[in-house]
Protein backbone atom coordinates (compact mmCIF):
# COMPACT_ATOMS: atom_id res chain seq x y z
CA ASN A 1 -0.07 -0.50 0.08
CA GLY A 2 1.45 3.46 -0.31
CA ILE A 3 3.44 4.86 -2.89
CA GLY A 4 6.35 2.74 -2.40
CA PHE A 5 9.85 3.31 -1.97
CA ASP A 6 13.24 2.40 -3.50
CA GLU A 7 14.21 -0.80 -1.84
CA SER A 8 17.72 0.42 -0.69
CA TYR A 9 15.83 2.61 1.97
CA LEU A 10 14.49 -0.88 3.55
CA ASN A 11 16.44 0.09 6.87
CA LYS A 12 15.67 3.57 7.03
CA ILE A 13 11.91 2.98 6.99
CA PHE A 14 11.92 1.59 10.35
CA ILE A 15 13.65 4.14 12.62
CA ILE A 16 11.30 6.46 14.49
CA PHE A 17 10.77 9.90 12.78
CA GLN A 18 11.54 8.70 9.73
CA SER A 19 10.41 9.91 6.63
CA LEU A 20 11.17 9.27 3.01
CA ASN A 21 8.86 11.93 1.80
CA ASP A 22 8.08 15.52 2.38
CA ARG A 23 6.14 16.16 5.33
CA LYS A 24 4.50 18.48 3.71
CA SER A 25 2.76 16.21 0.97
CA TYR A 26 2.27 13.42 2.98
CA GLU A 27 1.27 12.96 6.47
CA GLY A 28 2.76 11.13 9.23
CA THR A 29 4.50 10.95 12.21
CA GLY A 30 7.68 8.55 11.31
CA ILE A 31 6.68 6.45 14.14
CA GLY A 32 4.27 3.96 12.81
CA LEU A 33 6.80 1.14 11.30
CA ALA A 34 9.29 1.26 14.46
CA ILE A 35 6.73 0.83 16.78
CA ALA A 36 5.34 -2.08 14.48
CA LYS A 37 8.90 -3.38 14.53
CA LYS A 38 9.69 -3.13 18.24
CA ILE A 39 6.74 -4.86 18.82
CA ILE A 40 7.10 -7.54 16.47
CA GLU A 41 11.02 -8.14 17.65
CA LYS A 42 9.60 -8.46 21.08
CA HIS A 43 8.11 -11.28 19.79
CA ASN A 44 10.87 -12.90 18.54
CA GLY A 45 9.15 -12.08 14.94
CA LEU A 46 10.81 -9.96 11.86
CA ILE A 47 9.52 -7.68 9.79
CA THR A 48 10.33 -5.93 6.45
CA ALA A 49 8.83 -4.69 2.98
CA LYS A 50 8.93 -5.04 -0.71
CA SER A 51 8.81 -1.89 -2.67
CA LYS A 52 8.94 -0.47 -5.86
CA GLU A 53 8.60 3.43 -6.11
CA GLY A 54 5.61 4.54 -7.57
CA GLN A 55 3.85 1.49 -7.15
CA GLY A 56 2.99 0.70 -3.64
CA SER A 57 4.87 -1.33 -0.32
CA SER A 58 4.01 -4.97 0.70
CA PHE A 59 5.02 -5.57 4.17
CA ILE A 60 5.89 -8.84 5.88
CA MET A 61 5.85 -9.68 9.32
CA VAL A 62 6.69 -13.57 10.31
CA LEU A 63 6.13 -14.09 13.50
CA PRO A 64 6.80 -17.68 15.52
CA LEU A 65 3.50 -19.92 16.84
């Protein structure tokens, strides 16, 4: 979902307050993915994404049973 991003920035998107886009053009505080990553890691899981700039992103979350 979303506008997508260049996957070379994959590690940056999970840093708190990080935004790859102009905040005047796109809403957001830059904390959502950082919080999601912390929660998933507390449950011994992982989160990553597949993305194409201008086409959208898919986020993959893996949690142990």
